[in-house]
């Protein structure tokens, strides 16, 4: 056996071993005589065998750094991809004539990436292609979470060289239904007493719930009116008891008042935002605040207050929604103020919360426990006399006040899709302006009937609210 035969047999054995190995399975390209050559695609670190119908005597590669070649026989060539790129494989005959030029394109190996994508995301339609030394992903996935998984997997095979042409299908718009409810309750009680004695000689004594003062006859007349124990200026919660014995007059004035109040504040905004985008809502106003700049000039800045909401929804997978929400309820506090350069600036009462949750379409969560409970009481009395049992109540005054409030926020996200405008109805769609005859002669406020009839109509609709 000749030396050339031994070398060819050795090279053929190496090529066969590489072809059998699972990580370097060889593919074959056949070059037919008289037919134009096709481009040869070689995965990086993989081998391809090129067979020619014509016997060649010389073979060369334009850029050995992209692909390496070895001859297996006078009709077979072993091509190994080394680096991404394009080069040319040239075959010459025994007489030096050109047999063919083959374009060799070395690309990253994406076969394993395709297999892993099918294993991890079997239900997704993802196309994998190569572009120069990078990977291009295209197709449609069902959620942004699966898109991130596909990109993260592709980065393992081509770090920093992955192009994302994928799109997210399904519903990607989230409508947020929010209910702000604030309950406020206040209780205030006060009890005080006054005792007055008039001797009929232009002098007298008055004692009032913790205040001991000598009063002249004119002051006593505020309680005594023409010798009778009455109240000239009527005040809520006052009771006067009096009697006279000759020229001596006695009067007892009791002031007792209890007040209760409850307030319910409600806001129900509906906001729609694209997945990953922020939406804002504010129902309130802006409060002017004077600000002095470095030159001593006074400018006005506005601070918003009221019911505010910022939220960012992200559709994670299917109908699972990741929701980042910032809610705030603020109001101007007139009990606290600051005076500066003749401007009175009030403080603000603010309650805010910020959280991130995940929930499915239609599920709700509540933010509660935003409580305020203020309590104060005050007692005044005449020294010593107020400490006398039972009768001491005539010489004392007491005030009690308690304010309670609680804010509850209920949030419900929904996946929504746009609809045609004529499918939406407003509460005002049924209202028609009245004619001049109907307005002035019959008192109609709409074109359909009088105010009583209009009030009976159903003004509810899928969008908008009517407060009775």
Protein backbone atom coordinates (compact mmCIF):
# COMPACT_ATOMS: atom_id res chain seq x y z
CA UNK A 1 0.00 0.00 0.00
CA UNK A 2 1.37 3.39 -0.96
CA UNK A 3 1.95 6.24 1.48
CA UNK A 4 -0.83 8.29 -0.12
CA UNK A 5 -3.27 5.45 0.40
CA UNK A 6 -2.32 5.22 4.08
CA UNK A 7 -2.83 8.96 4.61
CA UNK A 8 -6.17 8.86 2.81
CA UNK A 9 -7.31 5.91 4.90
CA UNK A 10 -6.29 7.72 8.09
CA UNK A 11 -8.13 10.88 7.13
CA UNK A 12 -11.18 8.86 6.17
CA UNK A 13 -11.11 7.17 9.57
CA UNK A 14 -10.96 10.55 11.34
CA UNK A 15 -13.84 11.85 9.26
CA UNK A 16 -15.85 8.73 10.03
CA UNK A 17 -15.20 9.12 13.76
CA UNK A 18 -16.28 12.75 13.65
CA UNK A 19 -19.37 11.81 11.66
CA UNK A 20 -20.35 9.16 14.22
CA UNK A 21 -19.78 11.49 17.23
CA UNK A 22 -23.06 13.07 18.40
CA UNK A 23 -21.51 16.51 18.80
CA UNK A 24 -19.98 16.63 15.30
CA UNK A 25 -22.33 14.77 12.97
CA UNK A 26 -21.13 15.31 9.40
CA UNK A 27 -23.31 16.37 6.50
CA UNK A 28 -22.52 15.80 2.81
CA UNK A 29 -22.69 18.19 -0.14
CA UNK A 30 -22.39 16.66 -3.61
CA UNK A 31 -20.98 18.71 -6.49
CA UNK A 32 -22.25 17.47 -9.85
CA UNK A 33 -20.22 18.01 -12.98
CA UNK A 34 -21.56 20.79 -15.18
CA UNK A 35 -24.00 22.05 -12.52
CA UNK A 36 -23.61 25.35 -10.63
CA UNK A 37 -22.27 24.90 -7.14
CA UNK A 38 -24.50 25.72 -4.19
CA UNK A 39 -23.47 27.53 -1.04
CA UNK A 40 -22.06 25.30 1.67
CA UNK A 41 -23.33 26.01 5.19
CA UNK A 42 -21.09 24.68 7.93
CA UNK A 43 -21.98 25.00 11.64
CA UNK A 44 -19.17 26.29 13.80
CA UNK A 45 -17.08 23.44 15.30
CA UNK A 46 -18.94 21.01 13.03
CA UNK A 47 -17.78 19.15 9.90
CA UNK A 48 -19.22 18.74 6.39
CA UNK A 49 -17.99 16.35 3.69
CA UNK A 50 -17.93 17.66 0.12
CA UNK A 51 -18.02 15.08 -2.70
CA UNK A 52 -17.27 15.90 -6.31
CA UNK A 53 -18.21 13.87 -9.41
CA UNK A 54 -15.01 15.15 -11.05
CA UNK A 55 -11.55 14.13 -9.91
CA UNK A 56 -9.61 17.12 -8.58
CA UNK A 57 -5.88 17.41 -7.95
CA UNK A 58 -5.74 20.64 -5.91
CA UNK A 59 -8.03 22.20 -3.31
CA UNK A 60 -7.62 25.46 -1.42
CA UNK A 61 -9.57 27.64 1.04
CA UNK A 62 -9.45 31.42 0.83
CA UNK A 63 -9.51 32.11 4.59
CA UNK A 64 -8.18 29.22 6.71
CA UNK A 65 -9.24 31.12 9.84
CA UNK A 66 -12.93 30.61 8.99
CA UNK A 67 -12.80 26.98 7.76
CA UNK A 68 -10.22 24.20 7.66
CA UNK A 69 -10.09 21.57 4.90
CA UNK A 70 -8.58 18.12 4.45
CA UNK A 71 -8.77 15.78 1.44
CA UNK A 72 -10.24 12.36 2.06
CA UNK A 73 -9.84 11.17 -1.56
CA UNK A 74 -9.50 12.61 -5.04
CA UNK A 75 -13.27 13.28 -4.94
CA UNK A 76 -13.94 13.99 -1.23
CA UNK A 77 -13.04 16.96 1.00
CA UNK A 78 -13.49 17.33 4.75
CA UNK A 79 -14.53 20.90 5.74
CA UNK A 80 -14.45 21.97 9.42
CA UNK A 81 -16.05 25.27 10.56
CA UNK A 82 -13.79 27.30 12.83
CA UNK A 83 -15.20 30.85 13.07
CA UNK A 84 -18.36 32.61 11.82
CA UNK A 85 -17.91 34.18 8.40
CA UNK A 86 -17.82 33.55 4.65
CA UNK A 87 -14.98 32.20 2.51
CA UNK A 88 -14.43 30.37 -0.80
CA UNK A 89 -13.43 26.75 -1.46
CA UNK A 90 -11.65 26.25 -4.83
CA UNK A 91 -11.23 22.90 -6.68
CA UNK A 92 -8.72 22.52 -9.58
CA UNK A 93 -8.28 19.67 -12.04
CA UNK A 94 -5.09 17.78 -12.99
CA UNK A 95 -4.40 20.19 -15.82
CA UNK A 96 -4.86 23.20 -13.51
CA UNK A 97 -8.30 24.05 -14.86
CA UNK A 98 -10.94 25.37 -12.48
CA UNK A 99 -13.56 22.82 -11.55
CA UNK A 100 -15.69 25.01 -9.27
CA UNK A 101 -15.73 27.58 -6.53
CA UNK A 102 -17.88 26.78 -3.49
CA UNK A 103 -19.04 29.50 -1.14
CA UNK A 104 -18.54 28.33 2.44
CA UNK A 105 -20.57 30.03 5.19
CA UNK A 106 -19.71 29.20 8.78
CA UNK A 107 -22.51 30.00 11.23
CA UNK A 108 -23.06 29.40 14.94
CA UNK A 109 -24.46 26.00 15.76
CA UNK A 110 -28.16 26.52 16.53
CA UNK A 111 -29.40 22.94 16.36
CA UNK A 112 -28.98 22.41 20.09
CA UNK A 113 -30.66 25.77 20.82
CA UNK A 114 -33.66 24.70 18.75
CA UNK A 115 -33.90 21.44 20.68
CA UNK A 116 -33.73 23.23 24.03
CA UNK A 117 -36.41 25.73 23.00
CA UNK A 118 -38.71 22.86 22.02
CA UNK A 119 -38.08 21.19 25.37
CA UNK A 120 -38.53 24.29 27.56
CA UNK A 121 -41.23 26.10 25.53
CA UNK A 122 -43.00 23.33 23.60
CA UNK A 123 -46.16 25.33 22.85
CA UNK A 124 -44.42 28.43 21.50
CA UNK A 125 -43.73 29.12 17.83
CA UNK A 126 -40.16 30.44 17.79
CA UNK A 127 -37.96 30.55 14.68
CA UNK A 128 -34.18 30.49 15.15
CA UNK A 129 -31.83 31.82 12.46
CA UNK A 130 -28.24 32.95 12.25
CA UNK A 131 -26.95 36.34 11.18
CA UNK A 132 -23.19 36.63 10.76
CA UNK A 133 -21.90 35.59 14.20
CA UNK A 134 -25.23 36.13 16.03
CA UNK A 135 -28.61 34.50 16.51
CA UNK A 136 -31.96 35.92 15.44
CA UNK A 137 -35.17 34.87 17.21
CA UNK A 138 -38.52 35.53 15.53
CA UNK A 139 -42.10 34.38 15.90
CA UNK A 140 -44.93 34.94 18.38
CA UNK A 141 -44.98 33.95 22.03
CA UNK A 142 -47.93 33.97 24.40
CA UNK A 143 -46.44 36.13 27.17
CA UNK A 144 -43.55 38.41 28.00
CA UNK A 145 -42.28 35.92 30.59
CA UNK A 146 -41.78 33.25 27.91
CA UNK A 147 -40.13 35.82 25.67
CA UNK A 148 -37.62 36.55 28.42
CA UNK A 149 -36.96 32.82 28.89
CA UNK A 150 -36.24 32.36 25.18
CA UNK A 151 -33.87 35.32 25.12
CA UNK A 152 -32.08 34.17 28.25
CA UNK A 153 -31.56 30.72 26.73
CA UNK A 154 -30.26 32.17 23.45
CA UNK A 155 -27.76 34.32 25.36
CA UNK A 156 -26.12 31.09 26.56
CA UNK A 157 -25.20 30.22 22.97
CA UNK A 158 -24.34 33.70 21.67
CA UNK A 159 -23.65 36.08 24.56
CA UNK A 160 -24.40 39.65 23.54
CA UNK A 161 -25.21 38.66 19.96
CA UNK A 162 -28.93 37.80 20.13
CA UNK A 163 -31.42 39.82 18.06
CA UNK A 164 -35.02 39.75 19.26
CA UNK A 165 -37.66 39.92 16.52
CA UNK A 166 -40.31 38.10 18.55
CA UNK A 167 -43.70 39.57 19.37
CA UNK A 168 -46.04 38.88 22.26
CA UNK A 169 -49.51 37.70 21.28
CA UNK A 170 -52.74 37.61 23.28
CA UNK A 171 -54.26 40.40 25.32
CA UNK A 172 -51.65 42.84 26.57
CA UNK A 173 -53.88 45.65 27.90
CA UNK A 174 -54.89 45.79 31.55
CA UNK A 175 -57.83 47.73 32.96
CA UNK A 176 -57.58 48.50 36.66
CA UNK A 177 -60.73 48.97 38.71
CA UNK A 178 -59.95 50.80 41.95
CA UNK A 179 -62.33 51.71 44.77
CA UNK A 180 -61.22 54.30 47.30
CA UNK A 181 -63.44 54.37 50.40
CA UNK A 182 -62.84 56.59 53.40
CA UNK A 183 -65.07 56.51 56.48
CA UNK A 184 -64.80 59.38 58.94
CA UNK A 185 -66.61 59.53 62.26
CA UNK A 186 -66.48 62.34 64.81
CA UNK A 187 -67.98 62.51 68.31
CA UNK A 188 -67.90 65.65 70.45
CA UNK A 189 -69.43 66.15 73.88
CA UNK A 190 -69.28 69.13 76.22
CA UNK A 191 -70.85 69.89 79.62
CA UNK A 192 -70.52 73.12 81.60
CA UNK A 193 -72.55 75.10 84.14
CA UNK A 194 -72.88 78.69 85.32
CA UNK A 195 -74.30 80.04 88.58
CA UNK A 196 -75.43 83.64 88.98
CA UNK A 197 -76.76 85.57 91.99
CA UNK A 198 -78.33 89.01 91.72
CA UNK A 199 -79.05 90.97 94.92
CA UNK A 200 -81.17 93.55 93.12
CA UNK A 201 -78.83 96.37 94.23
CA UNK A 202 -76.76 96.61 91.06
CA UNK A 203 -74.24 93.95 92.06
CA UNK A 204 -73.97 90.21 91.79
CA UNK A 205 -71.76 87.14 91.49
CA UNK A 206 -71.38 84.87 88.52
CA UNK A 207 -69.64 81.48 88.49
CA UNK A 208 -69.18 79.67 85.20
CA UNK A 209 -67.68 76.21 84.77
CA UNK A 210 -64.19 76.85 85.99
CA UNK A 211 -64.22 80.65 85.71
CA UNK A 212 -64.88 82.61 88.89
CA UNK A 213 -65.61 86.26 88.25
CA UNK A 214 -67.48 89.09 90.03
CA UNK A 215 -69.96 90.59 87.64
CA UNK A 216 -71.79 93.90 87.86
CA UNK A 217 -75.47 94.21 87.38
CA UNK A 218 -75.13 94.78 83.63
CA UNK A 219 -73.27 91.53 83.15
CA UNK A 220 -75.73 89.67 85.27
CA UNK A 221 -78.51 90.96 83.01
CA UNK A 222 -77.09 88.66 80.31
CA UNK A 223 -78.60 85.85 82.35
CA UNK A 224 -81.43 87.77 84.06
CA UNK A 225 -83.79 89.53 81.74
CA UNK A 226 -86.26 91.83 83.48
CA UNK A 227 -86.03 89.95 86.79
CA UNK A 228 -86.68 86.57 85.15
CA UNK A 229 -84.04 83.93 84.69
CA UNK A 230 -83.93 83.63 80.91
CA UNK A 231 -81.35 83.52 78.11
CA UNK A 232 -81.35 86.51 75.83
CA UNK A 233 -79.03 85.06 73.14
CA UNK A 234 -80.23 81.50 72.54
CA UNK A 235 -77.48 78.92 72.18
CA UNK A 236 -77.82 75.24 71.30
CA UNK A 237 -77.69 72.90 74.26
CA UNK A 238 -78.37 75.54 76.97
CA UNK A 239 -80.89 75.16 79.78
CA UNK A 240 -81.54 77.90 82.37
CA UNK A 241 -83.14 77.33 85.77
CA UNK A 242 -83.88 80.34 88.03
CA UNK A 243 -86.00 81.59 90.84
CA UNK A 244 -86.26 84.75 92.94
CA UNK A 245 -86.94 85.45 96.60
CA UNK A 246 -87.87 89.07 97.01
CA UNK A 247 -85.06 91.12 95.59
CA UNK A 248 -82.66 88.18 95.56
CA UNK A 249 -82.44 86.22 92.31
CA UNK A 250 -80.75 82.90 91.58
CA UNK A 251 -80.05 81.32 88.18
CA UNK A 252 -78.28 78.17 87.02
CA UNK A 253 -77.23 77.86 83.38
CA UNK A 254 -76.39 74.36 82.06
CA UNK A 255 -74.63 73.93 78.70
CA UNK A 256 -74.60 70.38 77.38
CA UNK A 257 -73.97 69.53 73.72
CA UNK A 258 -73.27 66.30 71.87
CA UNK A 259 -72.50 66.19 68.16
CA UNK A 260 -71.90 63.20 65.90
CA UNK A 261 -70.93 63.02 62.27
CA UNK A 262 -69.99 60.46 59.64
CA UNK A 263 -68.52 61.06 56.18
CA UNK A 264 -68.11 58.55 53.34
CA UNK A 265 -65.74 59.52 50.55
CA UNK A 266 -65.65 57.32 47.44
CA UNK A 267 -63.71 57.38 44.18
CA UNK A 268 -63.89 54.62 41.58
CA UNK A 269 -61.45 55.26 38.72
CA UNK A 270 -61.08 52.84 35.80
CA UNK A 271 -57.70 53.03 34.05
CA UNK A 272 -56.37 51.03 31.11
CA UNK A 273 -52.68 50.67 30.28
CA UNK A 274 -50.50 48.60 28.00
CA UNK A 275 -48.47 45.86 29.63
CA UNK A 276 -45.29 47.39 31.06
CA UNK A 277 -46.53 51.00 30.73
CA UNK A 278 -47.53 53.34 33.55
CA UNK A 279 -50.95 54.96 34.03
CA UNK A 280 -51.79 57.85 36.38
CA UNK A 281 -54.97 59.17 37.95
CA UNK A 282 -55.70 62.21 40.12
CA UNK A 283 -59.08 63.38 41.42
CA UNK A 284 -58.54 66.52 43.45
CA UNK A 285 -56.75 69.76 42.73
CA UNK A 286 -53.53 71.71 43.08
CA UNK A 287 -52.65 73.95 45.99
CA UNK A 288 -50.57 77.10 45.33
CA UNK A 289 -47.40 77.44 47.40
CA UNK A 290 -45.26 80.61 47.21
CA UNK A 291 -41.56 79.89 46.81
CA UNK A 292 -38.72 82.39 47.03
CA UNK A 293 -35.88 81.96 44.56
CA UNK A 294 -32.24 82.96 44.98
CA UNK A 295 -32.91 86.51 43.79
CA UNK A 296 -35.61 87.12 46.37
CA UNK A 297 -38.45 86.89 43.86
CA UNK A 298 -41.61 85.10 44.86
CA UNK A 299 -42.92 82.45 42.49
CA UNK A 300 -45.84 80.08 42.85
CA UNK A 301 -45.58 76.32 42.69
CA UNK A 302 -48.55 73.98 42.76
CA UNK A 303 -48.76 70.84 44.84
CA UNK A 304 -51.39 68.28 43.78
CA UNK A 305 -53.73 66.83 46.37
CA UNK A 306 -56.73 64.52 46.39
CA UNK A 307 -57.03 60.87 45.36
CA UNK A 308 -53.99 59.87 43.30
CA UNK A 309 -53.08 56.56 41.70
CA UNK A 310 -50.06 55.36 39.69
CA UNK A 311 -49.87 51.77 38.48
CA UNK A 312 -47.75 49.70 36.11
CA UNK A 313 -49.20 46.35 34.97
CA UNK A 314 -47.19 43.57 33.37
CA UNK A 315 -48.83 40.50 31.85
CA UNK A 316 -46.55 37.71 33.08
CA UNK A 317 -48.08 34.53 31.68
CA UNK A 318 -51.55 33.94 30.28
CA UNK A 319 -53.91 35.78 32.60
CA UNK A 320 -51.35 36.29 35.39
CA UNK A 321 -50.72 40.00 35.98
CA UNK A 322 -47.85 41.58 37.87
CA UNK A 323 -49.10 44.87 39.30
CA UNK A 324 -47.03 47.67 40.81
CA UNK A 325 -49.32 50.25 42.40
CA UNK A 326 -48.82 53.55 44.24
CA UNK A 327 -51.92 55.06 45.86
CA UNK A 328 -52.25 58.31 47.80
CA UNK A 329 -55.06 60.22 49.47
CA UNK A 330 -54.22 63.76 50.61
CA UNK A 331 -56.13 66.87 51.72
CA UNK A 332 -55.34 70.40 52.83
CA UNK A 333 -55.07 70.65 56.62
CA UNK A 334 -56.37 74.08 57.65
CA UNK A 335 -55.54 73.47 61.32
CA UNK A 336 -51.80 73.70 60.63
CA UNK A 337 -50.42 76.70 58.76
CA UNK A 338 -47.16 78.55 58.26
CA UNK A 339 -46.83 82.28 57.66
CA UNK A 340 -43.98 83.56 55.52
CA UNK A 341 -43.68 87.04 54.03
CA UNK A 342 -47.36 87.62 54.50
CA UNK A 343 -48.40 84.31 52.92
CA UNK A 344 -50.30 81.72 54.94
CA UNK A 345 -49.42 78.19 53.81
CA UNK A 346 -51.46 75.25 55.03
CA UNK A 347 -50.16 71.78 55.72
CA UNK A 348 -51.34 68.54 54.11
CA UNK A 349 -52.79 65.37 55.55
CA UNK A 350 -51.52 62.47 53.49
CA UNK A 351 -51.90 58.72 53.49
CA UNK A 352 -50.07 56.73 50.85
CA UNK A 353 -49.15 53.14 50.08
CA UNK A 354 -46.93 51.36 47.57
CA UNK A 355 -46.91 47.64 46.80
CA UNK A 356 -46.30 45.01 44.11
CA UNK A 357 -48.51 41.95 43.77
CA UNK A 358 -49.33 39.22 41.26
CA UNK A 359 -52.87 38.04 40.58
CA UNK A 360 -55.04 36.57 37.87
CA UNK A 361 -57.59 38.34 35.74
CA UNK A 362 -60.60 39.40 37.83
CA UNK A 363 -59.05 38.75 41.24
CA UNK A 364 -58.99 41.53 43.85
CA UNK A 365 -56.87 42.59 46.78
CA UNK A 366 -57.53 45.16 49.49
CA UNK A 367 -55.27 47.69 51.16
CA UNK A 368 -56.69 48.47 54.58
CA UNK A 369 -55.54 49.49 58.03
CA UNK A 370 -54.83 53.12 57.11
CA UNK A 371 -56.35 54.31 60.39
CA UNK A 372 -56.39 57.60 62.25
CA UNK A 373 -57.79 57.90 65.76
CA UNK A 374 -57.46 61.29 67.50
CA UNK A 375 -58.72 61.74 71.04
CA UNK A 376 -58.72 64.81 73.28
CA UNK A 377 -60.51 65.87 76.47
CA UNK A 378 -60.33 69.01 78.60
CA UNK A 379 -61.70 69.76 82.08
CA UNK A 380 -61.95 73.19 83.78
CA UNK A 381 -63.29 73.89 87.24
CA UNK A 382 -63.51 76.47 89.99
CA UNK A 383 -60.81 75.70 92.56
CA UNK A 384 -62.10 73.80 95.60
CA UNK A 385 -65.73 74.22 94.64
CA UNK A 386 -65.31 71.88 91.65
CA UNK A 387 -64.06 69.13 93.97
CA UNK A 388 -67.25 69.07 96.05
CA UNK A 389 -69.14 65.80 95.41
CA UNK A 390 -72.31 66.11 93.27
CA UNK A 391 -72.64 69.87 93.68
CA UNK A 392 -69.15 70.30 92.28
CA UNK A 393 -70.57 69.54 88.81
CA UNK A 394 -72.07 73.04 88.87
CA UNK A 395 -68.59 74.51 88.98
CA UNK A 396 -66.94 72.34 86.30
CA UNK A 397 -66.85 72.21 82.50
CA UNK A 398 -65.63 69.28 80.42
CA UNK A 399 -65.05 68.85 76.69
CA UNK A 400 -64.55 65.51 74.90
CA UNK A 401 -63.67 65.07 71.24
CA UNK A 402 -62.76 62.01 69.18
CA UNK A 403 -62.15 61.79 65.41
CA UNK A 404 -61.73 58.46 63.63
CA UNK A 405 -61.11 57.67 59.97
CA UNK A 406 -60.14 54.64 57.93
CA UNK A 407 -59.10 54.37 54.29
CA UNK A 408 -59.73 51.16 52.34
CA UNK A 409 -58.51 50.58 48.75
CA UNK A 410 -59.75 47.62 46.69
CA UNK A 411 -57.97 46.87 43.40
CA UNK A 412 -59.18 44.54 40.62
CA UNK A 413 -57.23 44.12 37.33
CA UNK A 414 -58.81 42.86 34.10
CA UNK A 415 -57.36 41.88 30.73
CA UNK A 416 -59.22 43.89 28.10
CA UNK A 417 -59.28 44.43 24.36
CA UNK A 418 -60.39 47.54 22.44
CA UNK A 419 -63.97 47.72 21.13
CA UNK A 420 -65.71 49.93 18.63
CA UNK A 421 -66.77 53.32 19.96
CA UNK A 422 -70.46 52.82 19.20
CA UNK A 423 -70.51 49.85 21.59
CA UNK A 424 -69.95 52.11 24.60
CA UNK A 425 -72.90 53.87 26.23
CA UNK A 426 -72.83 56.90 28.51
CA UNK A 427 -75.47 57.92 31.07
CA UNK A 428 -76.07 61.13 29.12
CA UNK A 429 -76.80 59.42 25.79
CA UNK A 430 -80.54 59.30 26.57
CA UNK A 431 -80.83 63.00 27.38
CA UNK A 432 -82.25 65.36 24.75
CA UNK A 433 -82.29 69.16 25.18
CA UNK A 434 -85.86 70.46 25.66
CA UNK A 435 -87.62 72.74 23.24
CA UNK A 436 -88.38 76.33 24.23
CA UNK A 437 -92.08 75.50 24.41
CA UNK A 438 -91.49 72.50 26.62
CA UNK A 439 -89.09 74.39 28.90
CA UNK A 440 -91.02 77.62 29.45
CA UNK A 441 -94.63 76.38 29.20
CA UNK A 442 -94.44 72.89 30.65
CA UNK A 443 -91.23 73.01 32.70
CA UNK A 444 -89.58 70.12 30.87
CA UNK A 445 -85.85 69.85 31.49
CA UNK A 446 -85.37 67.28 28.72
CA UNK A 447 -87.09 66.58 25.46
CA UNK A 448 -88.78 63.45 26.87
CA UNK A 449 -90.72 64.73 29.86
CA UNK A 450 -90.72 66.75 33.01
CA UNK A 451 -88.09 66.62 35.70
CA UNK A 452 -89.97 63.98 37.67
CA UNK A 453 -90.12 61.69 34.66
CA UNK A 454 -86.47 62.22 33.84
CA UNK A 455 -85.52 61.32 37.39
CA UNK A 456 -87.24 57.95 36.97
CA UNK A 457 -85.22 57.05 33.89
CA UNK A 458 -82.34 54.61 34.09
CA UNK A 459 -79.11 56.53 33.49
CA UNK A 460 -76.76 53.67 34.35
CA UNK A 461 -74.29 52.46 31.77
CA UNK A 462 -71.16 50.31 31.44
CA UNK A 463 -69.03 53.45 31.75
CA UNK A 464 -69.65 56.35 34.10
CA UNK A 465 -71.49 56.66 37.37
CA UNK A 466 -74.55 58.49 38.57
CA UNK A 467 -74.69 59.70 42.18
CA UNK A 468 -78.16 59.95 43.69
